[in-house]
């Protein structure tokens, strides 16, 4: 049985949308080590359709010389959640269709290892609401953007989490690893 591990770059006020604002902070090597640890046991990638359509052209032509993460993203099976056909092609990709918690549970049962999610905020919100996230890795950047799509949007039910681990990087980014809160 698999587990679901999510990684999000977010601002202090929870914005995840278009993370190009993260570039000004640089990317500390320790952040790469943390991401490598998160993806190390991953046997599948789960992405929302919009994120898939952004990632496909960016990653599909990269090699290990361009980015050490390229083999992971290109060789690992990618499952795409969302209505409609993705408007991008990428090797080793499978369409799951519109969000269905039972289909995700079935995928978890079939995958022996971690199912990794990057970005895909709408999908992640649904997974959190259905209690399907085992590890939520938030990389919190020291900036409040004041606008943009937030991971925890107004009007959602309360989500209780338990802190499992944390890291602080020289660029001011804090990594918080949360799991489900156990009663």
N, C-alpha and C. Protein backbone atom coordinates (compact mmCIF):
# COMPACT_ATOMS: atom_id res chain seq x y z
N UNK A 1 0.84 -1.19 0.00
CA UNK A 1 0.00 0.00 0.00
C UNK A 1 0.88 1.24 0.00
N UNK A 2 0.50 2.20 -0.80
CA UNK A 2 1.27 3.42 -0.93
C UNK A 2 0.86 4.50 0.04
N UNK A 3 1.67 5.54 0.05
CA UNK A 3 1.36 6.73 0.81
C UNK A 3 1.41 7.92 -0.13
N UNK A 4 0.74 8.99 0.23
CA UNK A 4 0.72 10.19 -0.59
C UNK A 4 1.52 11.28 0.11
N UNK A 5 2.53 11.79 -0.61
CA UNK A 5 3.39 12.86 -0.11
C UNK A 5 3.27 14.06 -1.04
N UNK A 6 2.90 15.19 -0.47
CA UNK A 6 2.69 16.43 -1.21
C UNK A 6 3.82 17.40 -0.90
N UNK A 7 4.26 18.13 -1.91
CA UNK A 7 5.25 19.20 -1.73
C UNK A 7 4.70 20.46 -2.37
N UNK A 8 4.66 21.52 -1.57
CA UNK A 8 4.16 22.82 -2.04
C UNK A 8 5.13 23.92 -1.67
N UNK A 9 5.37 24.84 -2.58
CA UNK A 9 6.04 26.10 -2.28
C UNK A 9 4.94 27.11 -2.01
N UNK A 10 4.92 27.70 -0.80
CA UNK A 10 3.88 28.66 -0.47
C UNK A 10 4.48 29.90 0.19
N UNK A 11 3.72 30.98 0.12
CA UNK A 11 4.10 32.21 0.80
C UNK A 11 3.61 32.15 2.25
N UNK A 12 4.01 33.13 3.05
CA UNK A 12 3.55 33.18 4.44
C UNK A 12 2.03 33.23 4.54
N UNK A 13 1.38 33.86 3.56
CA UNK A 13 -0.08 33.93 3.59
C UNK A 13 -0.73 32.81 2.79
N UNK A 14 0.03 31.75 2.49
CA UNK A 14 -0.54 30.53 1.92
C UNK A 14 -0.70 30.49 0.43
N UNK A 15 -0.18 31.46 -0.32
CA UNK A 15 -0.33 31.48 -1.77
C UNK A 15 0.64 30.47 -2.39
N UNK A 16 0.10 29.64 -3.27
CA UNK A 16 0.92 28.66 -4.00
C UNK A 16 0.94 28.95 -5.49
N UNK A 17 0.00 29.74 -5.94
CA UNK A 17 -0.20 30.00 -7.36
C UNK A 17 1.05 30.59 -8.02
N UNK A 18 1.38 30.12 -9.21
CA UNK A 18 2.50 30.63 -10.00
C UNK A 18 3.72 30.93 -9.13
N UNK A 19 4.43 29.89 -8.71
CA UNK A 19 5.53 30.10 -7.76
C UNK A 19 6.78 30.76 -8.35
N UNK A 20 6.63 31.51 -9.43
CA UNK A 20 7.79 32.23 -9.98
C UNK A 20 8.31 33.26 -8.96
N UNK A 21 7.47 33.67 -8.01
CA UNK A 21 7.89 34.60 -6.97
C UNK A 21 8.95 33.98 -6.05
N UNK A 22 9.13 32.68 -6.10
CA UNK A 22 10.14 32.03 -5.26
C UNK A 22 11.56 32.25 -5.78
N UNK A 23 11.70 32.60 -7.06
CA UNK A 23 13.02 32.70 -7.68
C UNK A 23 13.94 33.68 -6.97
N UNK A 24 13.40 34.78 -6.47
CA UNK A 24 14.26 35.79 -5.84
C UNK A 24 14.95 35.28 -4.58
N UNK A 25 14.47 34.17 -4.02
CA UNK A 25 15.06 33.62 -2.80
C UNK A 25 16.15 32.59 -3.10
N UNK A 26 16.29 32.21 -4.34
CA UNK A 26 17.27 31.19 -4.69
C UNK A 26 16.83 29.82 -4.23
N UNK A 27 17.63 28.84 -4.56
CA UNK A 27 17.31 27.46 -4.20
C UNK A 27 18.52 26.88 -3.47
N UNK A 28 18.40 26.77 -2.18
CA UNK A 28 19.48 26.26 -1.34
C UNK A 28 19.72 24.77 -1.64
N UNK A 29 20.97 24.33 -1.68
CA UNK A 29 21.25 22.91 -1.91
C UNK A 29 20.54 21.99 -0.91
N UNK A 30 20.39 22.45 0.34
CA UNK A 30 19.70 21.62 1.34
C UNK A 30 18.23 21.41 0.97
N UNK A 31 17.64 22.38 0.26
CA UNK A 31 16.25 22.20 -0.19
C UNK A 31 16.19 21.05 -1.19
N UNK A 32 17.19 20.99 -2.08
CA UNK A 32 17.26 19.90 -3.04
C UNK A 32 17.43 18.56 -2.35
N UNK A 33 18.22 18.54 -1.28
CA UNK A 33 18.40 17.30 -0.52
C UNK A 33 17.08 16.87 0.13
N UNK A 34 16.34 17.84 0.65
CA UNK A 34 15.04 17.52 1.25
C UNK A 34 14.08 16.97 0.20
N UNK A 35 14.03 17.62 -0.96
CA UNK A 35 13.16 17.14 -2.03
C UNK A 35 13.57 15.75 -2.51
N UNK A 36 14.88 15.50 -2.58
CA UNK A 36 15.36 14.16 -2.97
C UNK A 36 14.91 13.11 -1.96
N UNK A 37 14.90 13.47 -0.69
CA UNK A 37 14.41 12.55 0.34
C UNK A 37 12.92 12.28 0.16
N UNK A 38 12.16 13.34 -0.12
CA UNK A 38 10.71 13.20 -0.31
C UNK A 38 10.41 12.30 -1.50
N UNK A 39 11.15 12.47 -2.59
CA UNK A 39 10.88 11.70 -3.81
C UNK A 39 11.60 10.35 -3.83
N UNK A 40 12.49 10.12 -2.88
CA UNK A 40 13.32 8.91 -2.90
C UNK A 40 12.56 7.60 -2.95
N UNK A 41 11.45 7.51 -2.25
CA UNK A 41 10.65 6.28 -2.24
C UNK A 41 9.47 6.34 -3.21
N UNK A 42 9.39 7.39 -3.98
CA UNK A 42 8.23 7.57 -4.86
C UNK A 42 8.26 6.58 -6.02
N UNK A 43 7.12 5.99 -6.25
CA UNK A 43 6.94 5.05 -7.35
C UNK A 43 5.95 5.58 -8.37
N UNK A 44 5.33 6.71 -8.05
CA UNK A 44 4.36 7.33 -8.96
C UNK A 44 4.28 8.81 -8.65
N UNK A 45 3.85 9.56 -9.64
CA UNK A 45 3.59 10.99 -9.50
C UNK A 45 2.12 11.21 -9.79
N UNK A 46 1.46 11.99 -8.96
CA UNK A 46 0.05 12.33 -9.14
C UNK A 46 -0.02 13.83 -9.31
N UNK A 47 -0.62 14.29 -10.41
CA UNK A 47 -0.69 15.71 -10.69
C UNK A 47 -2.09 16.10 -11.14
N UNK A 48 -2.48 17.32 -10.77
CA UNK A 48 -3.68 17.89 -11.34
C UNK A 48 -3.40 18.23 -12.80
N UNK A 49 -4.45 18.31 -13.60
CA UNK A 49 -4.27 18.53 -15.03
C UNK A 49 -3.53 19.82 -15.34
N UNK A 50 -3.85 20.92 -14.63
CA UNK A 50 -3.18 22.20 -14.91
C UNK A 50 -1.69 22.11 -14.61
N UNK A 51 -1.33 21.52 -13.48
CA UNK A 51 0.09 21.37 -13.15
C UNK A 51 0.77 20.46 -14.15
N UNK A 52 0.11 19.39 -14.53
CA UNK A 52 0.66 18.49 -15.55
C UNK A 52 0.96 19.26 -16.83
N UNK A 53 0.02 20.11 -17.25
CA UNK A 53 0.21 20.87 -18.49
C UNK A 53 1.34 21.89 -18.37
N UNK A 54 1.63 22.36 -17.17
CA UNK A 54 2.78 23.27 -16.97
C UNK A 54 4.08 22.48 -16.89
N UNK A 55 4.06 21.33 -16.22
CA UNK A 55 5.27 20.54 -16.03
C UNK A 55 5.73 19.85 -17.31
N UNK A 56 4.80 19.33 -18.10
CA UNK A 56 5.17 18.52 -19.27
C UNK A 56 6.17 19.21 -20.20
N UNK A 57 5.90 20.43 -20.67
CA UNK A 57 6.89 21.04 -21.56
C UNK A 57 8.19 21.42 -20.84
N UNK A 58 8.10 21.70 -19.56
CA UNK A 58 9.29 22.10 -18.81
C UNK A 58 10.20 20.92 -18.49
N UNK A 59 9.64 19.77 -18.17
CA UNK A 59 10.44 18.62 -17.75
C UNK A 59 10.72 17.61 -18.85
N UNK A 60 9.82 17.45 -19.79
CA UNK A 60 9.92 16.34 -20.74
C UNK A 60 11.19 16.36 -21.59
N UNK A 61 11.79 17.51 -21.76
CA UNK A 61 13.02 17.58 -22.57
C UNK A 61 14.28 17.74 -21.72
N UNK A 62 14.13 17.84 -20.42
CA UNK A 62 15.30 17.99 -19.56
C UNK A 62 16.03 16.66 -19.39
N UNK A 63 17.32 16.78 -19.22
CA UNK A 63 18.16 15.62 -18.95
C UNK A 63 18.78 15.78 -17.56
N UNK A 64 19.46 14.76 -17.11
CA UNK A 64 20.12 14.82 -15.81
C UNK A 64 21.17 15.93 -15.80
N UNK A 65 21.74 16.24 -16.96
CA UNK A 65 22.71 17.34 -17.04
C UNK A 65 22.04 18.69 -16.79
N UNK A 66 20.77 18.81 -17.18
CA UNK A 66 20.02 20.05 -16.95
C UNK A 66 19.56 20.17 -15.51
N UNK A 67 19.13 19.05 -14.95
CA UNK A 67 18.56 19.05 -13.60
C UNK A 67 18.63 17.62 -13.06
N UNK A 68 19.16 17.42 -11.86
CA UNK A 68 19.24 16.06 -11.32
C UNK A 68 17.88 15.40 -11.13
N UNK A 69 16.80 16.19 -11.07
CA UNK A 69 15.47 15.62 -10.91
C UNK A 69 14.83 15.15 -12.20
N UNK A 70 15.46 15.43 -13.33
CA UNK A 70 14.85 15.10 -14.62
C UNK A 70 14.53 13.61 -14.78
N UNK A 71 15.45 12.70 -14.47
CA UNK A 71 15.09 11.28 -14.62
C UNK A 71 13.87 10.88 -13.79
N UNK A 72 13.78 11.39 -12.56
CA UNK A 72 12.62 11.07 -11.73
C UNK A 72 11.33 11.51 -12.42
N UNK A 73 11.28 12.77 -12.84
CA UNK A 73 10.05 13.28 -13.45
C UNK A 73 9.74 12.63 -14.79
N UNK A 74 10.74 12.27 -15.56
CA UNK A 74 10.49 11.72 -16.89
C UNK A 74 10.27 10.21 -16.89
N UNK A 75 10.93 9.49 -15.99
CA UNK A 75 10.84 8.03 -15.99
C UNK A 75 9.73 7.47 -15.12
N UNK A 76 9.29 8.23 -14.12
CA UNK A 76 8.26 7.77 -13.20
C UNK A 76 6.88 7.88 -13.85
N UNK A 77 6.01 6.92 -13.57
CA UNK A 77 4.65 6.96 -14.10
C UNK A 77 3.92 8.14 -13.47
N UNK A 78 3.27 8.93 -14.31
CA UNK A 78 2.53 10.11 -13.88
C UNK A 78 1.04 9.86 -14.09
N UNK A 79 0.25 10.08 -13.05
CA UNK A 79 -1.20 9.95 -13.12
C UNK A 79 -1.78 11.36 -13.09
N UNK A 80 -2.68 11.63 -14.01
CA UNK A 80 -3.23 12.98 -14.17
C UNK A 80 -4.70 12.99 -13.77
N UNK A 81 -5.04 13.89 -12.85
CA UNK A 81 -6.40 14.03 -12.36
C UNK A 81 -6.98 15.32 -12.92
N UNK A 82 -8.16 15.24 -13.50
CA UNK A 82 -8.82 16.45 -13.97
C UNK A 82 -9.79 16.13 -15.10
N UNK A 83 -10.77 16.99 -15.22
CA UNK A 83 -11.74 16.83 -16.30
C UNK A 83 -11.07 17.20 -17.61
N UNK A 84 -11.41 16.53 -18.65
CA UNK A 84 -10.87 16.83 -19.97
C UNK A 84 -9.51 16.21 -20.19
N UNK A 85 -9.15 16.12 -21.45
CA UNK A 85 -7.84 15.59 -21.84
C UNK A 85 -6.76 16.64 -21.61
N UNK A 86 -5.63 16.24 -21.05
CA UNK A 86 -4.52 17.19 -20.93
C UNK A 86 -4.10 17.67 -22.32
N UNK A 87 -3.71 18.94 -22.40
CA UNK A 87 -3.28 19.52 -23.67
C UNK A 87 -1.77 19.42 -23.83
N UNK A 88 -1.18 18.42 -23.23
CA UNK A 88 0.26 18.21 -23.33
C UNK A 88 0.54 16.71 -23.34
N UNK A 89 1.63 16.35 -23.98
CA UNK A 89 2.07 14.96 -24.01
C UNK A 89 3.30 14.84 -23.12
N UNK A 90 3.42 13.69 -22.44
CA UNK A 90 4.59 13.43 -21.61
C UNK A 90 4.66 11.92 -21.43
N UNK A 91 5.82 11.35 -21.63
CA UNK A 91 5.98 9.90 -21.54
C UNK A 91 5.55 9.40 -20.16
N UNK A 92 5.12 8.15 -20.14
CA UNK A 92 4.72 7.46 -18.90
C UNK A 92 3.59 8.16 -18.16
N UNK A 93 2.63 8.69 -18.90
CA UNK A 93 1.50 9.40 -18.28
C UNK A 93 0.21 8.64 -18.50
N UNK A 94 -0.63 8.67 -17.46
CA UNK A 94 -1.94 8.00 -17.52
C UNK A 94 -2.99 8.95 -16.98
N UNK A 95 -4.09 9.05 -17.66
CA UNK A 95 -5.19 9.92 -17.24
C UNK A 95 -6.12 9.16 -16.30
N UNK A 96 -6.43 9.77 -15.15
CA UNK A 96 -7.37 9.17 -14.20
C UNK A 96 -8.77 9.74 -14.34
N UNK A 97 -8.91 10.88 -15.01
CA UNK A 97 -10.21 11.52 -15.15
C UNK A 97 -10.46 12.49 -14.01
N UNK A 98 -11.71 12.89 -13.88
CA UNK A 98 -12.09 13.85 -12.85
C UNK A 98 -11.77 13.29 -11.46
N UNK A 99 -11.59 14.18 -10.49
CA UNK A 99 -11.25 13.76 -9.14
C UNK A 99 -12.28 12.79 -8.59
N UNK A 100 -11.77 11.69 -8.04
CA UNK A 100 -12.59 10.66 -7.42
C UNK A 100 -11.78 10.06 -6.28
N UNK A 101 -12.18 10.32 -5.05
CA UNK A 101 -11.43 9.85 -3.89
C UNK A 101 -11.25 8.34 -3.91
N UNK A 102 -12.26 7.61 -4.36
CA UNK A 102 -12.14 6.15 -4.41
C UNK A 102 -11.10 5.70 -5.43
N UNK A 103 -11.00 6.40 -6.55
CA UNK A 103 -9.96 6.07 -7.54
C UNK A 103 -8.57 6.32 -6.96
N UNK A 104 -8.43 7.37 -6.15
CA UNK A 104 -7.14 7.65 -5.52
C UNK A 104 -6.82 6.58 -4.49
N UNK A 105 -7.82 6.14 -3.73
CA UNK A 105 -7.61 5.06 -2.76
C UNK A 105 -7.17 3.77 -3.47
N UNK A 106 -7.79 3.48 -4.61
CA UNK A 106 -7.41 2.31 -5.40
C UNK A 106 -5.97 2.43 -5.87
N UNK A 107 -5.58 3.61 -6.33
CA UNK A 107 -4.21 3.85 -6.75
C UNK A 107 -3.25 3.63 -5.58
N UNK A 108 -3.60 4.13 -4.40
CA UNK A 108 -2.79 3.91 -3.20
C UNK A 108 -2.61 2.42 -2.91
N UNK A 109 -3.68 1.65 -3.09
CA UNK A 109 -3.60 0.21 -2.86
C UNK A 109 -2.69 -0.48 -3.87
N UNK A 110 -2.63 0.04 -5.08
CA UNK A 110 -1.85 -0.59 -6.16
C UNK A 110 -0.37 -0.20 -6.14
N UNK A 111 -0.04 0.94 -5.58
CA UNK A 111 1.34 1.44 -5.59
C UNK A 111 2.04 1.04 -4.30
N UNK A 112 3.17 0.39 -4.44
CA UNK A 112 3.98 0.02 -3.28
C UNK A 112 5.08 1.06 -3.14
N UNK A 113 4.81 2.09 -2.39
CA UNK A 113 5.75 3.19 -2.21
C UNK A 113 5.00 4.50 -2.16
N UNK A 114 5.74 5.57 -2.30
CA UNK A 114 5.16 6.90 -2.21
C UNK A 114 4.57 7.34 -3.54
N UNK A 115 3.43 8.00 -3.46
CA UNK A 115 2.83 8.70 -4.59
C UNK A 115 3.11 10.17 -4.33
N UNK A 116 3.91 10.78 -5.19
CA UNK A 116 4.40 12.14 -4.99
C UNK A 116 3.54 13.14 -5.75
N UNK A 117 3.25 14.26 -5.09
CA UNK A 117 2.50 15.36 -5.70
C UNK A 117 3.28 16.64 -5.51
N UNK A 118 3.43 17.39 -6.59
CA UNK A 118 4.04 18.71 -6.54
C UNK A 118 3.01 19.70 -7.06
N UNK A 119 2.85 20.82 -6.34
CA UNK A 119 1.86 21.80 -6.79
C UNK A 119 0.47 21.20 -6.73
N UNK A 120 -0.30 21.39 -7.82
CA UNK A 120 -1.62 20.76 -7.94
C UNK A 120 -2.53 21.13 -6.78
N UNK A 121 -2.60 22.43 -6.46
CA UNK A 121 -3.32 22.90 -5.29
C UNK A 121 -4.77 22.46 -5.20
N UNK A 122 -5.49 22.49 -6.29
CA UNK A 122 -6.90 22.08 -6.26
C UNK A 122 -7.01 20.60 -5.89
N UNK A 123 -6.17 19.79 -6.49
CA UNK A 123 -6.14 18.36 -6.17
C UNK A 123 -5.76 18.16 -4.71
N UNK A 124 -4.75 18.87 -4.24
CA UNK A 124 -4.29 18.70 -2.86
C UNK A 124 -5.38 19.09 -1.87
N UNK A 125 -6.10 20.17 -2.16
CA UNK A 125 -7.21 20.56 -1.28
C UNK A 125 -8.24 19.43 -1.16
N UNK A 126 -8.57 18.81 -2.28
CA UNK A 126 -9.54 17.71 -2.28
C UNK A 126 -9.00 16.52 -1.49
N UNK A 127 -7.72 16.20 -1.70
CA UNK A 127 -7.11 15.08 -0.98
C UNK A 127 -7.08 15.34 0.53
N UNK A 128 -6.75 16.57 0.92
CA UNK A 128 -6.76 16.92 2.34
C UNK A 128 -8.17 16.79 2.92
N UNK A 129 -9.15 17.27 2.20
CA UNK A 129 -10.54 17.19 2.67
C UNK A 129 -10.99 15.75 2.85
N UNK A 130 -10.45 14.85 2.00
CA UNK A 130 -10.82 13.43 2.08
C UNK A 130 -9.87 12.62 2.96
N UNK A 131 -8.94 13.29 3.63
CA UNK A 131 -8.02 12.60 4.53
C UNK A 131 -7.03 11.69 3.83
N UNK A 132 -6.64 12.02 2.60
CA UNK A 132 -5.78 11.13 1.81
C UNK A 132 -4.31 11.55 1.76
N UNK A 133 -3.93 12.62 2.44
CA UNK A 133 -2.53 13.06 2.42
C UNK A 133 -1.83 12.51 3.66
N UNK A 134 -0.74 11.78 3.42
CA UNK A 134 0.04 11.22 4.52
C UNK A 134 1.16 12.15 4.96
N UNK A 135 1.76 12.86 4.02
CA UNK A 135 2.83 13.80 4.30
C UNK A 135 2.60 15.07 3.50
N UNK A 136 2.49 16.19 4.19
CA UNK A 136 2.33 17.49 3.55
C UNK A 136 3.60 18.29 3.83
N UNK A 137 4.41 18.47 2.79
CA UNK A 137 5.67 19.19 2.89
C UNK A 137 5.46 20.60 2.38
N UNK A 138 5.43 21.55 3.30
CA UNK A 138 5.27 22.95 2.93
C UNK A 138 6.62 23.64 3.00
N UNK A 139 7.03 24.25 1.91
CA UNK A 139 8.22 25.08 1.88
C UNK A 139 7.71 26.51 1.92
N UNK A 140 7.78 27.11 3.11
CA UNK A 140 7.17 28.42 3.36
C UNK A 140 8.22 29.51 3.13
N UNK A 141 7.93 30.40 2.18
CA UNK A 141 8.85 31.47 1.82
C UNK A 141 8.54 32.73 2.63
N UNK A 142 9.57 33.49 2.97
CA UNK A 142 9.38 34.66 3.85
C UNK A 142 8.84 35.88 3.10
N UNK A 143 7.64 35.72 2.57
CA UNK A 143 6.98 36.81 1.87
C UNK A 143 5.48 36.60 1.97
N UNK A 144 4.75 37.68 2.21
CA UNK A 144 3.29 37.65 2.16
C UNK A 144 2.90 38.35 0.86
N UNK A 145 2.22 37.65 -0.02
CA UNK A 145 1.91 38.18 -1.34
C UNK A 145 0.64 39.02 -1.37
N UNK A 146 -0.28 38.73 -0.48
CA UNK A 146 -1.50 39.53 -0.41
C UNK A 146 -2.56 39.19 -1.44
N UNK A 147 -2.20 38.41 -2.45
CA UNK A 147 -3.19 37.99 -3.44
C UNK A 147 -2.69 36.73 -4.12
N UNK A 148 -3.62 35.99 -4.67
CA UNK A 148 -3.29 34.74 -5.34
C UNK A 148 -4.04 33.58 -4.72
N UNK A 149 -4.02 32.47 -5.42
CA UNK A 149 -4.71 31.26 -4.96
C UNK A 149 -4.00 30.70 -3.74
N UNK A 150 -4.76 30.47 -2.68
CA UNK A 150 -4.20 29.96 -1.43
C UNK A 150 -4.48 28.47 -1.28
N UNK A 151 -3.53 27.78 -0.66
CA UNK A 151 -3.71 26.35 -0.44
C UNK A 151 -4.91 26.09 0.45
N UNK A 152 -5.02 26.84 1.53
CA UNK A 152 -6.17 26.70 2.42
C UNK A 152 -7.07 27.91 2.18
N UNK A 153 -8.01 27.73 1.28
CA UNK A 153 -8.88 28.82 0.85
C UNK A 153 -9.96 29.11 1.90
N UNK A 154 -10.51 30.31 1.83
CA UNK A 154 -11.62 30.67 2.70
C UNK A 154 -12.78 29.69 2.50
N UNK A 155 -13.43 29.35 3.60
CA UNK A 155 -14.62 28.52 3.53
C UNK A 155 -14.37 27.03 3.59
N UNK A 156 -13.11 26.59 3.64
CA UNK A 156 -12.87 25.15 3.75
C UNK A 156 -13.01 24.72 5.20
N UNK A 157 -13.31 23.46 5.38
CA UNK A 157 -13.40 22.92 6.74
C UNK A 157 -12.02 22.95 7.41
N UNK A 158 -12.02 23.01 8.72
CA UNK A 158 -10.77 22.99 9.47
C UNK A 158 -9.99 21.72 9.14
N UNK A 159 -8.68 21.85 9.01
CA UNK A 159 -7.81 20.72 8.73
C UNK A 159 -6.76 20.65 9.83
N UNK A 160 -6.84 19.63 10.66
CA UNK A 160 -5.87 19.48 11.75
C UNK A 160 -4.72 18.59 11.26
N UNK A 161 -3.51 19.06 11.55
CA UNK A 161 -2.31 18.34 11.13
C UNK A 161 -1.36 18.22 12.32
N UNK A 162 -0.43 17.30 12.23
CA UNK A 162 0.59 17.11 13.26
C UNK A 162 1.96 17.33 12.63
N UNK A 163 2.78 18.16 13.26
CA UNK A 163 4.12 18.43 12.76
C UNK A 163 4.99 17.19 12.97
N UNK A 164 5.59 16.72 11.87
CA UNK A 164 6.46 15.55 11.91
C UNK A 164 7.93 15.93 11.90
N UNK A 165 8.27 17.01 11.19
CA UNK A 165 9.67 17.45 11.08
C UNK A 165 9.69 18.86 10.53
N UNK A 166 10.84 19.51 10.67
CA UNK A 166 10.99 20.85 10.10
C UNK A 166 12.47 21.14 9.82
N UNK A 167 12.70 22.05 8.90
CA UNK A 167 14.04 22.49 8.54
C UNK A 167 13.98 23.99 8.30
N UNK A 168 15.09 24.67 8.52
CA UNK A 168 15.21 26.09 8.22
C UNK A 168 16.41 26.25 7.30
N UNK A 169 16.25 26.98 6.20
CA UNK A 169 17.31 27.15 5.22
C UNK A 169 17.86 28.58 5.28
N UNK A 170 19.07 28.75 4.79
CA UNK A 170 19.78 30.03 4.84
C UNK A 170 19.05 31.14 4.08
N UNK A 171 18.22 30.79 3.11
CA UNK A 171 17.49 31.80 2.33
C UNK A 171 16.19 32.24 3.01
N UNK A 172 15.95 31.77 4.24
CA UNK A 172 14.76 32.16 4.98
C UNK A 172 13.56 31.26 4.79
N UNK A 173 13.67 30.27 3.91
CA UNK A 173 12.58 29.32 3.69
C UNK A 173 12.56 28.32 4.82
N UNK A 174 11.36 27.97 5.26
CA UNK A 174 11.16 26.98 6.31
C UNK A 174 10.41 25.80 5.70
N UNK A 175 10.91 24.60 5.92
CA UNK A 175 10.24 23.37 5.48
C UNK A 175 9.50 22.79 6.67
N UNK A 176 8.20 22.62 6.51
CA UNK A 176 7.36 22.02 7.55
C UNK A 176 6.76 20.74 6.99
N UNK A 177 7.01 19.63 7.64
CA UNK A 177 6.45 18.35 7.23
C UNK A 177 5.34 17.98 8.20
N UNK A 178 4.12 17.97 7.68
CA UNK A 178 2.95 17.64 8.49
C UNK A 178 2.35 16.30 8.04
N UNK A 179 1.73 15.64 8.99
CA UNK A 179 0.95 14.44 8.72
C UNK A 179 -0.41 14.63 9.35
N UNK A 180 -1.28 13.66 9.16
CA UNK A 180 -2.61 13.77 9.76
C UNK A 180 -2.52 13.81 11.29
N UNK A 181 -3.35 14.62 11.89
CA UNK A 181 -3.42 14.67 13.35
C UNK A 181 -4.18 13.44 13.82
N UNK A 182 -3.61 12.75 14.74
CA UNK A 182 -4.26 11.56 15.30
C UNK A 182 -4.99 11.95 16.57
N UNK A 183 -6.23 11.54 16.67
CA UNK A 183 -7.01 11.88 17.87
C UNK A 183 -6.68 10.98 19.01
